[in-house]
Amino acid sequence: MLAEVEATYAATRAYTGFPAMSPRVRAALGRVERHQLVPPEQRALAYRNRPLPIGQGQTISQPYIVALSTDLIAPEPQHVVLEVGTGSGYQAAVLAEIVQRVYSIEILESLAGTAANSLNVLQYKNIEIRIGDGYRGWPEKGPFDAIVVTAAAPQVPEALVAQLKNGGRMVIPVGPASGDQELLLISKDGAGKVRSKAVIPVRFVPLVPGR
């Protein structure tokens, strides 16, 4: 799987600026037991560089996208990161291998429960999951050094930008649910000025708003 991900990095370097995974992200991707985070019927495919269905119309993201999203936020060991869209828990697990703390929000209760159980079996102690509306973030735990959004929104939610620390980075797919999307890197400088950069075309499931 790692070789496939590295090949995809090389093939997309003109878009992303990353010719290869950073050593820290490569090590994290290699340590996470992806087969433990997919349904039993998908385990034979767990180490392919591709998304897989996990139920409720949702998917576990392609390892390349998980690695790239992690590299884009430039994670450090002391960082506290918000993930929006827990899904299977795969992105949270990769982040937890690198950063101090991961807070993850999932709107679908069944997925949140399954992910929490799987991550507990894998003995991740630095991940906290709650059921909630990802568009609103998790303000009482912020501000965050970085935010990773794993489902596509029609535009960047202002609440998430507000919860990003000065000097922080957010990765989010933006675009219509059934059309072309862009993976955006949102950065906030030391003075709080926000910049946005399109990184690569993507196709994500939609970010479901709360009721």
N, C-alpha and C. Protein backbone atom coordinates (compact mmCIF):
# COMPACT_ATOMS: atom_id res chain seq x y z
N MET A 1 0.82 -1.20 0.00
CA MET A 1 0.00 0.00 0.00
C MET A 1 0.86 1.27 0.00
N LEU A 2 1.91 1.27 0.81
CA LEU A 2 2.75 2.47 0.89
C LEU A 2 3.39 2.78 -0.46
N ALA A 3 3.78 1.75 -1.18
CA ALA A 3 4.37 1.98 -2.50
C ALA A 3 3.35 2.59 -3.46
N GLU A 4 2.10 2.13 -3.38
CA GLU A 4 1.05 2.70 -4.22
C GLU A 4 0.80 4.16 -3.88
N VAL A 5 0.79 4.47 -2.59
CA VAL A 5 0.57 5.85 -2.17
C VAL A 5 1.72 6.74 -2.64
N GLU A 6 2.95 6.25 -2.50
CA GLU A 6 4.10 7.03 -2.96
C GLU A 6 4.03 7.26 -4.47
N ALA A 7 3.57 6.27 -5.22
CA ALA A 7 3.45 6.43 -6.67
C ALA A 7 2.41 7.50 -7.00
N THR A 8 1.34 7.55 -6.23
CA THR A 8 0.31 8.56 -6.47
C THR A 8 0.83 9.95 -6.09
N TYR A 9 1.60 10.04 -5.03
CA TYR A 9 2.25 11.32 -4.70
C TYR A 9 3.10 11.81 -5.88
N ALA A 10 3.90 10.91 -6.44
CA ALA A 10 4.77 11.29 -7.55
C ALA A 10 3.95 11.73 -8.77
N ALA A 11 2.84 11.04 -9.01
CA ALA A 11 2.01 11.35 -10.18
C ALA A 11 1.26 12.67 -10.04
N THR A 12 1.04 13.11 -8.80
CA THR A 12 0.24 14.32 -8.56
C THR A 12 1.08 15.49 -8.06
N ARG A 13 2.38 15.38 -8.11
CA ARG A 13 3.24 16.42 -7.53
C ARG A 13 3.03 17.78 -8.18
N ALA A 14 2.66 17.81 -9.46
CA ALA A 14 2.43 19.08 -10.14
C ALA A 14 1.26 19.83 -9.52
N TYR A 15 0.28 19.11 -9.00
CA TYR A 15 -0.86 19.73 -8.30
C TYR A 15 -0.49 20.12 -6.87
N THR A 16 0.11 19.17 -6.16
CA THR A 16 0.22 19.29 -4.70
C THR A 16 1.51 19.93 -4.22
N GLY A 17 2.58 19.80 -5.01
CA GLY A 17 3.88 20.27 -4.55
C GLY A 17 4.60 19.26 -3.67
N PHE A 18 3.98 18.09 -3.45
CA PHE A 18 4.60 17.04 -2.63
C PHE A 18 5.07 15.91 -3.54
N PRO A 19 6.37 15.73 -3.75
CA PRO A 19 6.84 14.61 -4.56
C PRO A 19 6.76 13.27 -3.83
N ALA A 20 6.68 13.33 -2.49
CA ALA A 20 6.64 12.10 -1.69
C ALA A 20 6.02 12.43 -0.34
N MET A 21 5.55 11.38 0.35
CA MET A 21 5.08 11.56 1.71
C MET A 21 6.21 12.02 2.60
N SER A 22 5.89 12.86 3.58
CA SER A 22 6.88 13.19 4.60
C SER A 22 7.18 11.93 5.41
N PRO A 23 8.39 11.79 5.95
CA PRO A 23 8.73 10.59 6.74
C PRO A 23 7.75 10.36 7.90
N ARG A 24 7.29 11.43 8.53
CA ARG A 24 6.39 11.29 9.67
C ARG A 24 5.05 10.71 9.24
N VAL A 25 4.52 11.20 8.12
CA VAL A 25 3.23 10.70 7.63
C VAL A 25 3.38 9.28 7.10
N ARG A 26 4.47 9.00 6.42
CA ARG A 26 4.68 7.64 5.92
C ARG A 26 4.73 6.64 7.07
N ALA A 27 5.42 6.99 8.14
CA ALA A 27 5.50 6.10 9.30
C ALA A 27 4.13 5.90 9.93
N ALA A 28 3.35 6.97 10.04
CA ALA A 28 2.01 6.87 10.63
C ALA A 28 1.11 5.97 9.78
N LEU A 29 1.14 6.16 8.46
CA LEU A 29 0.32 5.35 7.56
C LEU A 29 0.71 3.88 7.68
N GLY A 30 1.98 3.62 7.85
CA GLY A 30 2.44 2.25 7.98
C GLY A 30 2.05 1.59 9.29
N ARG A 31 1.86 2.39 10.33
CA ARG A 31 1.51 1.82 11.64
C ARG A 31 0.02 1.55 11.82
N VAL A 32 -0.83 2.31 11.16
CA VAL A 32 -2.27 2.16 11.38
C VAL A 32 -2.78 0.87 10.73
N GLU A 33 -3.52 0.08 11.49
CA GLU A 33 -4.05 -1.20 11.02
C GLU A 33 -5.38 -0.95 10.30
N ARG A 34 -5.29 -0.62 9.03
CA ARG A 34 -6.49 -0.24 8.28
C ARG A 34 -7.53 -1.36 8.22
N HIS A 35 -7.08 -2.60 8.23
CA HIS A 35 -8.04 -3.71 8.16
C HIS A 35 -8.96 -3.76 9.37
N GLN A 36 -8.53 -3.15 10.47
CA GLN A 36 -9.37 -3.11 11.67
C GLN A 36 -10.43 -2.01 11.61
N LEU A 37 -10.37 -1.17 10.58
CA LEU A 37 -11.23 -0.01 10.49
C LEU A 37 -12.18 -0.08 9.29
N VAL A 38 -12.30 -1.26 8.70
CA VAL A 38 -13.25 -1.48 7.61
C VAL A 38 -14.17 -2.64 7.98
N PRO A 39 -15.35 -2.73 7.37
CA PRO A 39 -16.23 -3.87 7.65
C PRO A 39 -15.55 -5.18 7.29
N PRO A 40 -15.92 -6.27 7.97
CA PRO A 40 -15.27 -7.57 7.71
C PRO A 40 -15.24 -7.97 6.24
N GLU A 41 -16.30 -7.67 5.51
CA GLU A 41 -16.36 -8.07 4.10
C GLU A 41 -15.40 -7.27 3.22
N GLN A 42 -14.81 -6.20 3.74
CA GLN A 42 -13.88 -5.38 2.97
C GLN A 42 -12.42 -5.61 3.36
N ARG A 43 -12.18 -6.47 4.33
CA ARG A 43 -10.81 -6.59 4.87
C ARG A 43 -9.79 -7.09 3.86
N ALA A 44 -10.21 -7.89 2.92
CA ALA A 44 -9.27 -8.37 1.90
C ALA A 44 -8.75 -7.22 1.04
N LEU A 45 -9.49 -6.12 1.01
CA LEU A 45 -9.11 -4.96 0.18
C LEU A 45 -8.52 -3.82 1.02
N ALA A 46 -8.34 -4.05 2.31
CA ALA A 46 -8.01 -2.96 3.23
C ALA A 46 -6.72 -2.24 2.88
N TYR A 47 -5.76 -2.94 2.28
CA TYR A 47 -4.47 -2.30 2.02
C TYR A 47 -4.28 -1.96 0.54
N ARG A 48 -5.40 -1.77 -0.15
CA ARG A 48 -5.36 -1.19 -1.49
C ARG A 48 -5.47 0.33 -1.36
N ASN A 49 -4.87 1.03 -2.29
CA ASN A 49 -4.93 2.50 -2.26
C ASN A 49 -6.23 2.96 -2.92
N ARG A 50 -7.33 2.72 -2.18
CA ARG A 50 -8.64 3.06 -2.73
C ARG A 50 -9.63 3.26 -1.58
N PRO A 51 -10.68 4.05 -1.80
CA PRO A 51 -11.74 4.15 -0.79
C PRO A 51 -12.55 2.86 -0.76
N LEU A 52 -13.22 2.62 0.38
CA LEU A 52 -14.05 1.43 0.53
C LEU A 52 -15.34 1.80 1.25
N PRO A 53 -16.45 1.15 0.93
CA PRO A 53 -17.71 1.44 1.62
C PRO A 53 -17.66 0.97 3.07
N ILE A 54 -18.26 1.78 3.97
CA ILE A 54 -18.30 1.41 5.39
C ILE A 54 -19.74 1.42 5.92
N GLY A 55 -20.72 1.57 5.03
CA GLY A 55 -22.11 1.60 5.45
C GLY A 55 -22.64 3.01 5.55
N GLN A 56 -23.98 3.14 5.61
CA GLN A 56 -24.65 4.44 5.73
C GLN A 56 -24.33 5.38 4.56
N GLY A 57 -23.94 4.80 3.42
CA GLY A 57 -23.59 5.61 2.27
C GLY A 57 -22.26 6.32 2.39
N GLN A 58 -21.43 5.90 3.34
CA GLN A 58 -20.15 6.55 3.61
C GLN A 58 -19.00 5.64 3.19
N THR A 59 -17.79 6.23 3.14
CA THR A 59 -16.61 5.47 2.74
C THR A 59 -15.44 5.76 3.68
N ILE A 60 -14.52 4.81 3.73
CA ILE A 60 -13.21 5.07 4.31
C ILE A 60 -12.37 5.66 3.20
N SER A 61 -11.69 6.75 3.47
CA SER A 61 -10.98 7.47 2.41
C SER A 61 -9.80 6.69 1.86
N GLN A 62 -9.46 6.98 0.63
CA GLN A 62 -8.28 6.44 -0.02
C GLN A 62 -7.05 6.78 0.81
N PRO A 63 -6.15 5.84 1.06
CA PRO A 63 -4.95 6.15 1.85
C PRO A 63 -4.15 7.33 1.33
N TYR A 64 -4.07 7.48 0.01
CA TYR A 64 -3.37 8.65 -0.54
C TYR A 64 -3.97 9.95 -0.06
N ILE A 65 -5.30 10.05 -0.08
CA ILE A 65 -5.96 11.29 0.34
C ILE A 65 -5.74 11.53 1.84
N VAL A 66 -5.80 10.47 2.64
CA VAL A 66 -5.54 10.59 4.08
C VAL A 66 -4.11 11.10 4.31
N ALA A 67 -3.17 10.52 3.60
CA ALA A 67 -1.77 10.94 3.75
C ALA A 67 -1.58 12.38 3.30
N LEU A 68 -2.14 12.73 2.14
CA LEU A 68 -1.98 14.09 1.62
C LEU A 68 -2.62 15.11 2.56
N SER A 69 -3.83 14.83 3.04
CA SER A 69 -4.49 15.75 3.96
C SER A 69 -3.66 15.97 5.21
N THR A 70 -3.04 14.89 5.68
CA THR A 70 -2.19 14.98 6.87
C THR A 70 -0.94 15.79 6.58
N ASP A 71 -0.32 15.55 5.45
CA ASP A 71 0.87 16.34 5.09
C ASP A 71 0.53 17.82 4.94
N LEU A 72 -0.63 18.12 4.38
CA LEU A 72 -0.99 19.51 4.12
C LEU A 72 -1.15 20.34 5.39
N ILE A 73 -1.56 19.71 6.48
CA ILE A 73 -1.71 20.49 7.73
C ILE A 73 -0.39 20.63 8.50
N ALA A 74 0.69 20.00 8.01
CA ALA A 74 2.01 20.10 8.64
C ALA A 74 1.95 19.79 10.13
N PRO A 75 1.52 18.56 10.49
CA PRO A 75 1.30 18.23 11.90
C PRO A 75 2.59 18.17 12.71
N GLU A 76 2.48 18.59 13.97
CA GLU A 76 3.59 18.53 14.92
C GLU A 76 3.14 17.76 16.16
N PRO A 77 4.09 17.17 16.92
CA PRO A 77 3.71 16.35 18.07
C PRO A 77 2.86 17.06 19.12
N GLN A 78 3.00 18.36 19.25
CA GLN A 78 2.26 19.11 20.27
C GLN A 78 0.90 19.59 19.79
N HIS A 79 0.55 19.33 18.55
CA HIS A 79 -0.68 19.87 17.98
C HIS A 79 -1.94 19.19 18.51
N VAL A 80 -2.99 20.00 18.57
CA VAL A 80 -4.35 19.52 18.83
C VAL A 80 -5.15 19.75 17.56
N VAL A 81 -5.75 18.68 17.04
CA VAL A 81 -6.37 18.72 15.71
C VAL A 81 -7.85 18.35 15.82
N LEU A 82 -8.66 19.07 15.06
CA LEU A 82 -10.07 18.74 14.91
C LEU A 82 -10.26 18.00 13.59
N GLU A 83 -10.96 16.87 13.65
CA GLU A 83 -11.38 16.18 12.44
C GLU A 83 -12.89 16.29 12.33
N VAL A 84 -13.38 16.64 11.17
CA VAL A 84 -14.82 16.72 10.92
C VAL A 84 -15.19 15.58 9.98
N GLY A 85 -15.94 14.62 10.51
CA GLY A 85 -16.32 13.44 9.73
C GLY A 85 -15.49 12.24 10.14
N THR A 86 -15.83 11.61 11.27
CA THR A 86 -15.03 10.49 11.79
C THR A 86 -15.04 9.31 10.84
N GLY A 87 -16.22 9.00 10.29
CA GLY A 87 -16.31 7.83 9.42
C GLY A 87 -15.88 6.57 10.12
N SER A 88 -14.92 5.88 9.56
CA SER A 88 -14.40 4.64 10.15
C SER A 88 -13.38 4.88 11.25
N GLY A 89 -12.86 6.12 11.33
CA GLY A 89 -11.80 6.42 12.29
C GLY A 89 -10.40 6.38 11.70
N TYR A 90 -10.30 6.12 10.39
CA TYR A 90 -8.97 5.95 9.78
C TYR A 90 -8.15 7.24 9.78
N GLN A 91 -8.74 8.34 9.33
CA GLN A 91 -8.00 9.60 9.34
C GLN A 91 -7.62 9.99 10.76
N ALA A 92 -8.53 9.79 11.71
CA ALA A 92 -8.24 10.12 13.11
C ALA A 92 -7.06 9.30 13.62
N ALA A 93 -7.02 8.03 13.25
CA ALA A 93 -5.92 7.17 13.71
C ALA A 93 -4.58 7.62 13.15
N VAL A 94 -4.55 7.98 11.87
CA VAL A 94 -3.30 8.47 11.27
C VAL A 94 -2.85 9.74 11.97
N LEU A 95 -3.78 10.65 12.21
CA LEU A 95 -3.43 11.89 12.92
C LEU A 95 -2.93 11.58 14.33
N ALA A 96 -3.59 10.66 15.02
CA ALA A 96 -3.24 10.35 16.40
C ALA A 96 -1.85 9.74 16.53
N GLU A 97 -1.33 9.17 15.46
CA GLU A 97 0.04 8.64 15.47
C GLU A 97 1.07 9.77 15.52
N ILE A 98 0.64 10.99 15.17
CA ILE A 98 1.59 12.11 15.03
C ILE A 98 1.36 13.20 16.06
N VAL A 99 0.10 13.56 16.32
CA VAL A 99 -0.19 14.74 17.13
C VAL A 99 -0.56 14.37 18.56
N GLN A 100 -0.67 15.39 19.39
CA GLN A 100 -0.97 15.18 20.81
C GLN A 100 -2.40 14.71 21.05
N ARG A 101 -3.36 15.35 20.33
CA ARG A 101 -4.76 15.08 20.61
C ARG A 101 -5.59 15.28 19.35
N VAL A 102 -6.58 14.40 19.15
CA VAL A 102 -7.50 14.51 18.03
C VAL A 102 -8.92 14.54 18.58
N TYR A 103 -9.66 15.57 18.21
CA TYR A 103 -11.09 15.64 18.49
C TYR A 103 -11.82 15.41 17.17
N SER A 104 -12.76 14.45 17.17
CA SER A 104 -13.40 14.07 15.92
C SER A 104 -14.92 14.10 16.07
N ILE A 105 -15.60 14.68 15.08
CA ILE A 105 -17.05 14.83 15.09
C ILE A 105 -17.65 13.97 13.99
N GLU A 106 -18.71 13.25 14.33
CA GLU A 106 -19.43 12.43 13.36
C GLU A 106 -20.93 12.62 13.59
N ILE A 107 -21.66 12.89 12.53
CA ILE A 107 -23.10 13.14 12.68
C ILE A 107 -23.92 11.85 12.71
N LEU A 108 -23.37 10.76 12.17
CA LEU A 108 -24.09 9.49 12.13
C LEU A 108 -23.72 8.65 13.35
N GLU A 109 -24.69 8.44 14.23
CA GLU A 109 -24.42 7.80 15.51
C GLU A 109 -23.85 6.40 15.36
N SER A 110 -24.37 5.64 14.41
CA SER A 110 -23.88 4.27 14.24
C SER A 110 -22.42 4.24 13.83
N LEU A 111 -22.01 5.14 12.94
CA LEU A 111 -20.61 5.20 12.53
C LEU A 111 -19.72 5.65 13.67
N ALA A 112 -20.18 6.64 14.43
CA ALA A 112 -19.39 7.13 15.56
C ALA A 112 -19.15 6.01 16.56
N GLY A 113 -20.18 5.21 16.83
CA GLY A 113 -20.03 4.12 17.78
C GLY A 113 -19.07 3.05 17.29
N THR A 114 -19.20 2.68 16.01
CA THR A 114 -18.30 1.67 15.45
C THR A 114 -16.86 2.15 15.45
N ALA A 115 -16.65 3.42 15.06
CA ALA A 115 -15.29 3.97 15.04
C ALA A 115 -14.70 4.01 16.44
N ALA A 116 -15.50 4.44 17.41
CA ALA A 116 -15.01 4.51 18.79
C ALA A 116 -14.59 3.14 19.30
N ASN A 117 -15.40 2.13 18.99
CA ASN A 117 -15.05 0.77 19.41
C ASN A 117 -13.77 0.28 18.73
N SER A 118 -13.66 0.53 17.44
CA SER A 118 -12.46 0.09 16.71
C SER A 118 -11.21 0.78 17.21
N LEU A 119 -11.29 2.07 17.44
CA LEU A 119 -10.13 2.83 17.92
C LEU A 119 -9.75 2.42 19.33
N ASN A 120 -10.74 2.03 20.12
CA ASN A 120 -10.46 1.53 21.47
C ASN A 120 -9.73 0.20 21.41
N VAL A 121 -10.16 -0.68 20.50
CA VAL A 121 -9.47 -1.96 20.32
C VAL A 121 -8.02 -1.73 19.90
N LEU A 122 -7.80 -0.71 19.07
CA LEU A 122 -6.44 -0.38 18.61
C LEU A 122 -5.66 0.44 19.63
N GLN A 123 -6.29 0.72 20.77
CA GLN A 123 -5.65 1.37 21.92
C GLN A 123 -5.19 2.80 21.65
N TYR A 124 -6.00 3.53 20.88
CA TYR A 124 -5.74 4.96 20.72
C TYR A 124 -6.37 5.70 21.89
N LYS A 125 -5.55 6.32 22.71
CA LYS A 125 -6.02 7.01 23.91
C LYS A 125 -6.12 8.52 23.71
N ASN A 126 -5.65 9.01 22.59
CA ASN A 126 -5.61 10.46 22.36
C ASN A 126 -6.63 10.92 21.30
N ILE A 127 -7.69 10.13 21.14
CA ILE A 127 -8.78 10.49 20.23
C ILE A 127 -10.08 10.57 21.03
N GLU A 128 -10.81 11.67 20.86
CA GLU A 128 -12.13 11.80 21.48
C GLU A 128 -13.15 12.05 20.37
N ILE A 129 -14.23 11.27 20.38
CA ILE A 129 -15.26 11.36 19.35
C ILE A 129 -16.55 11.85 19.98
N ARG A 130 -17.24 12.72 19.26
CA ARG A 130 -18.59 13.06 19.69
C ARG A 130 -19.52 13.09 18.48
N ILE A 131 -20.80 12.88 18.75
CA ILE A 131 -21.82 12.96 17.71
C ILE A 131 -22.28 14.40 17.62
N GLY A 132 -22.25 14.96 16.42
CA GLY A 132 -22.65 16.35 16.28
C GLY A 132 -22.56 16.85 14.85
N ASP A 133 -22.89 18.11 14.69
CA ASP A 133 -22.90 18.78 13.40
C ASP A 133 -21.51 19.32 13.08
N GLY A 134 -20.87 18.72 12.08
CA GLY A 134 -19.52 19.14 11.74
C GLY A 134 -19.42 20.57 11.27
N TYR A 135 -20.50 21.11 10.71
CA TYR A 135 -20.48 22.51 10.25
C TYR A 135 -20.24 23.46 11.42
N ARG A 136 -20.60 23.05 12.62
CA ARG A 136 -20.45 23.91 13.79
C ARG A 136 -19.12 23.71 14.52
N GLY A 137 -18.41 22.64 14.17
CA GLY A 137 -17.14 22.37 14.81
C GLY A 137 -17.31 21.94 16.26
N TRP A 138 -16.27 22.22 17.04
CA TRP A 138 -16.25 21.82 18.46
C TRP A 138 -15.64 22.99 19.22
N PRO A 139 -16.36 24.11 19.33
CA PRO A 139 -15.75 25.35 19.82
C PRO A 139 -15.17 25.27 21.22
N GLU A 140 -15.77 24.47 22.10
CA GLU A 140 -15.27 24.41 23.47
C GLU A 140 -13.91 23.72 23.58
N LYS A 141 -13.50 23.00 22.54
CA LYS A 141 -12.18 22.36 22.54
C LYS A 141 -11.15 23.16 21.74
N GLY A 142 -11.60 24.19 21.04
CA GLY A 142 -10.69 24.99 20.21
C GLY A 142 -10.06 26.12 20.99
N PRO A 143 -9.28 26.94 20.32
CA PRO A 143 -8.96 26.84 18.89
C PRO A 143 -7.97 25.71 18.61
N PHE A 144 -7.94 25.28 17.37
CA PHE A 144 -7.16 24.11 16.98
C PHE A 144 -5.95 24.51 16.14
N ASP A 145 -4.89 23.73 16.29
CA ASP A 145 -3.70 23.95 15.46
C ASP A 145 -3.99 23.60 14.01
N ALA A 146 -4.90 22.65 13.80
CA ALA A 146 -5.25 22.24 12.44
C ALA A 146 -6.63 21.60 12.45
N ILE A 147 -7.26 21.61 11.29
CA ILE A 147 -8.57 20.99 11.10
C ILE A 147 -8.53 20.20 9.80
N VAL A 148 -9.03 18.96 9.85
CA VAL A 148 -9.14 18.13 8.66
C VAL A 148 -10.61 17.77 8.48
N VAL A 149 -11.17 18.15 7.34
CA VAL A 149 -12.57 17.84 7.03
C VAL A 149 -12.57 16.73 5.98
N THR A 150 -13.34 15.67 6.27
CA THR A 150 -13.27 14.47 5.42
C THR A 150 -14.53 14.25 4.59
N ALA A 151 -15.33 15.30 4.42
CA ALA A 151 -16.51 15.25 3.55
C ALA A 151 -16.66 16.63 2.92
N ALA A 152 -17.32 16.66 1.77
CA ALA A 152 -17.35 17.90 0.98
C ALA A 152 -18.48 18.84 1.41
N ALA A 153 -18.12 20.10 1.60
CA ALA A 153 -19.08 21.15 1.89
C ALA A 153 -19.24 22.04 0.67
N PRO A 154 -20.41 22.67 0.50
CA PRO A 154 -20.58 23.57 -0.65
C PRO A 154 -19.73 24.82 -0.56
N GLN A 155 -19.38 25.22 0.66
CA GLN A 155 -18.43 26.32 0.89
C GLN A 155 -17.75 26.08 2.23
N VAL A 156 -16.71 26.82 2.51
CA VAL A 156 -15.96 26.64 3.75
C VAL A 156 -16.81 27.17 4.91
N PRO A 157 -17.12 26.35 5.92
CA PRO A 157 -17.92 26.81 7.05
C PRO A 157 -17.18 27.86 7.87
N GLU A 158 -17.83 28.99 8.11
CA GLU A 158 -17.20 30.08 8.86
C GLU A 158 -16.87 29.65 10.28
N ALA A 159 -17.70 28.79 10.88
CA ALA A 159 -17.44 28.34 12.25
C ALA A 159 -16.12 27.60 12.36
N LEU A 160 -15.78 26.84 11.33
CA LEU A 160 -14.51 26.11 11.36
C LEU A 160 -13.32 27.05 11.21
N VAL A 161 -13.44 28.02 10.34
CA VAL A 161 -12.37 29.02 10.19
C VAL A 161 -12.15 29.74 11.51
N ALA A 162 -13.23 30.08 12.20
CA ALA A 162 -13.12 30.79 13.48
C ALA A 162 -12.43 29.95 14.54
N GLN A 163 -12.53 28.62 14.43
CA GLN A 163 -11.92 27.73 15.43
C GLN A 163 -10.48 27.35 15.11
N LEU A 164 -9.95 27.88 14.02
CA LEU A 164 -8.57 27.63 13.64
C LEU A 164 -7.66 28.67 14.28
N LYS A 165 -6.60 28.22 14.92
CA LYS A 165 -5.65 29.13 15.54
C LYS A 165 -4.96 30.01 14.50
N ASN A 166 -4.52 31.18 14.91
CA ASN A 166 -3.60 31.94 14.07
C ASN A 166 -2.36 31.09 13.82
N GLY A 167 -1.95 31.01 12.58
CA GLY A 167 -0.84 30.14 12.22
C GLY A 167 -1.27 28.72 11.88
N GLY A 168 -2.59 28.44 11.95
CA GLY A 168 -3.09 27.10 11.72
C GLY A 168 -3.46 26.83 10.28
N ARG A 169 -3.77 25.56 10.00
CA ARG A 169 -4.13 25.13 8.65
C ARG A 169 -5.35 24.23 8.69
N MET A 170 -6.17 24.34 7.68
CA MET A 170 -7.33 23.47 7.52
C MET A 170 -7.35 22.91 6.11
N VAL A 171 -7.69 21.62 6.01
CA VAL A 171 -7.87 20.97 4.72
C VAL A 171 -9.35 20.59 4.61
N ILE A 172 -9.98 20.97 3.50
CA ILE A 172 -11.40 20.71 3.33
C ILE A 172 -11.75 20.57 1.85
N PRO A 173 -12.50 19.51 1.48
CA PRO A 173 -13.00 19.43 0.11
C PRO A 173 -14.23 20.33 -0.04
N VAL A 174 -14.27 21.10 -1.09
CA VAL A 174 -15.36 22.05 -1.31
C VAL A 174 -15.91 21.88 -2.73
N GLY A 175 -17.23 21.82 -2.81
CA GLY A 175 -17.88 21.68 -4.11
C GLY A 175 -19.21 20.98 -3.97
N PRO A 176 -19.94 20.83 -5.07
CA PRO A 176 -21.26 20.20 -5.02
C PRO A 176 -21.17 18.72 -4.67
N ALA A 177 -22.24 18.21 -4.07
CA ALA A 177 -22.24 16.82 -3.63
C ALA A 177 -22.08 15.84 -4.79
N SER A 178 -22.60 16.18 -5.95
CA SER A 178 -22.58 15.25 -7.08
C SER A 178 -21.73 15.75 -8.24
N GLY A 179 -20.82 16.69 -7.97
CA GLY A 179 -20.01 17.24 -9.05
C GLY A 179 -18.55 17.35 -8.67
N ASP A 180 -17.83 18.13 -9.44
CA ASP A 180 -16.40 18.31 -9.20
C ASP A 180 -16.17 19.10 -7.92
N GLN A 181 -15.19 18.67 -7.18
CA GLN A 181 -14.81 19.34 -5.93
C GLN A 181 -13.31 19.63 -5.96
N GLU A 182 -12.88 20.54 -5.10
CA GLU A 182 -11.46 20.85 -4.94
C GLU A 182 -11.08 20.64 -3.48
N LEU A 183 -9.93 20.03 -3.26
CA LEU A 183 -9.38 19.96 -1.92
C LEU A 183 -8.67 21.29 -1.66
N LEU A 184 -9.18 22.04 -0.69
CA LEU A 184 -8.63 23.36 -0.38
C LEU A 184 -7.74 23.30 0.86
N LEU A 185 -6.68 24.08 0.82
CA LEU A 185 -5.85 24.32 2.00
C LEU A 185 -6.15 25.74 2.46
N ILE A 186 -6.73 25.84 3.65
CA ILE A 186 -7.04 27.13 4.26
C ILE A 186 -5.98 27.41 5.31
N SER A 187 -5.32 28.53 5.20
CA SER A 187 -4.29 28.88 6.19
C SER A 187 -4.62 30.22 6.83
N LYS A 188 -4.28 30.34 8.10
CA LYS A 188 -4.50 31.57 8.85
C LYS A 188 -3.14 32.03 9.37
N ASP A 189 -2.72 33.23 8.99
CA ASP A 189 -1.39 33.69 9.40
C ASP A 189 -1.41 34.18 10.85
N GLY A 190 -0.27 34.64 11.31
CA GLY A 190 -0.14 35.06 12.70
C GLY A 190 -1.02 36.22 13.08
N ALA A 191 -1.45 36.99 12.09
CA ALA A 191 -2.34 38.12 12.35
C ALA A 191 -3.80 37.76 12.15
N GLY A 192 -4.07 36.51 11.80
CA GLY A 192 -5.44 36.07 11.61
C GLY A 192 -5.97 36.21 10.20
N LYS A 193 -5.12 36.62 9.25
CA LYS A 193 -5.57 36.74 7.86
C LYS A 193 -5.70 35.35 7.24
N VAL A 194 -6.81 35.13 6.54
CA VAL A 194 -7.11 33.81 5.99
C VAL A 194 -6.81 33.76 4.50
N ARG A 195 -6.14 32.71 4.08
CA ARG A 195 -5.86 32.48 2.67
C ARG A 195 -6.36 31.10 2.28
N SER A 196 -6.73 30.95 1.01
CA SER A 196 -7.24 29.68 0.51
C SER A 196 -6.50 29.31 -0.76
N LYS A 197 -6.14 28.03 -0.87
CA LYS A 197 -5.43 27.54 -2.05
C LYS A 197 -6.03 26.21 -2.48
N ALA A 198 -6.39 26.10 -3.76
CA ALA A 198 -6.87 24.83 -4.31
C ALA A 198 -5.68 23.91 -4.54
N VAL A 199 -5.79 22.68 -4.05
CA VAL A 199 -4.67 21.74 -4.14
C VAL A 199 -4.86 20.73 -5.25
N ILE A 200 -6.01 20.04 -5.26
CA ILE A 200 -6.18 18.95 -6.22
C ILE A 200 -7.68 18.66 -6.38
N PRO A 201 -8.11 18.28 -7.59
CA PRO A 201 -9.51 17.86 -7.75
C PRO A 201 -9.76 16.57 -6.96
N VAL A 202 -10.95 16.47 -6.33
CA VAL A 202 -11.28 15.31 -5.51
C VAL A 202 -12.76 14.98 -5.68
N ARG A 203 -13.16 13.84 -5.10
CA ARG A 203 -14.57 13.45 -5.06
C ARG A 203 -14.84 12.83 -3.68
N PHE A 204 -15.54 13.56 -2.83
CA PHE A 204 -15.87 13.12 -1.48
C PHE A 204 -17.38 12.98 -1.33
N VAL A 205 -17.80 12.20 -0.35
CA VAL A 205 -19.21 12.19 0.04
C VAL A 205 -19.53 13.54 0.66
N PRO A 206 -20.80 13.98 0.65
CA PRO A 206 -21.13 15.29 1.19
C PRO A 206 -21.06 15.36 2.72
N LEU A 207 -20.71 16.52 3.21
CA LEU A 207 -20.75 16.79 4.65
C LEU A 207 -22.20 17.05 5.03
N VAL A 208 -22.72 16.18 5.91
CA VAL A 208 -24.14 16.22 6.26
C VAL A 208 -24.37 17.26 7.36
N PRO A 209 -25.25 18.23 7.13
CA PRO A 209 -25.53 19.22 8.18
C PRO A 209 -26.45 18.66 9.24
N GLY A 210 -26.37 19.21 10.44
CA GLY A 210 -27.29 18.82 11.51
C GLY A 210 -28.66 19.40 11.27
N ARG A 211 -29.63 18.89 12.01
CA ARG A 211 -31.01 19.38 11.86
C ARG A 211 -31.33 20.37 12.96
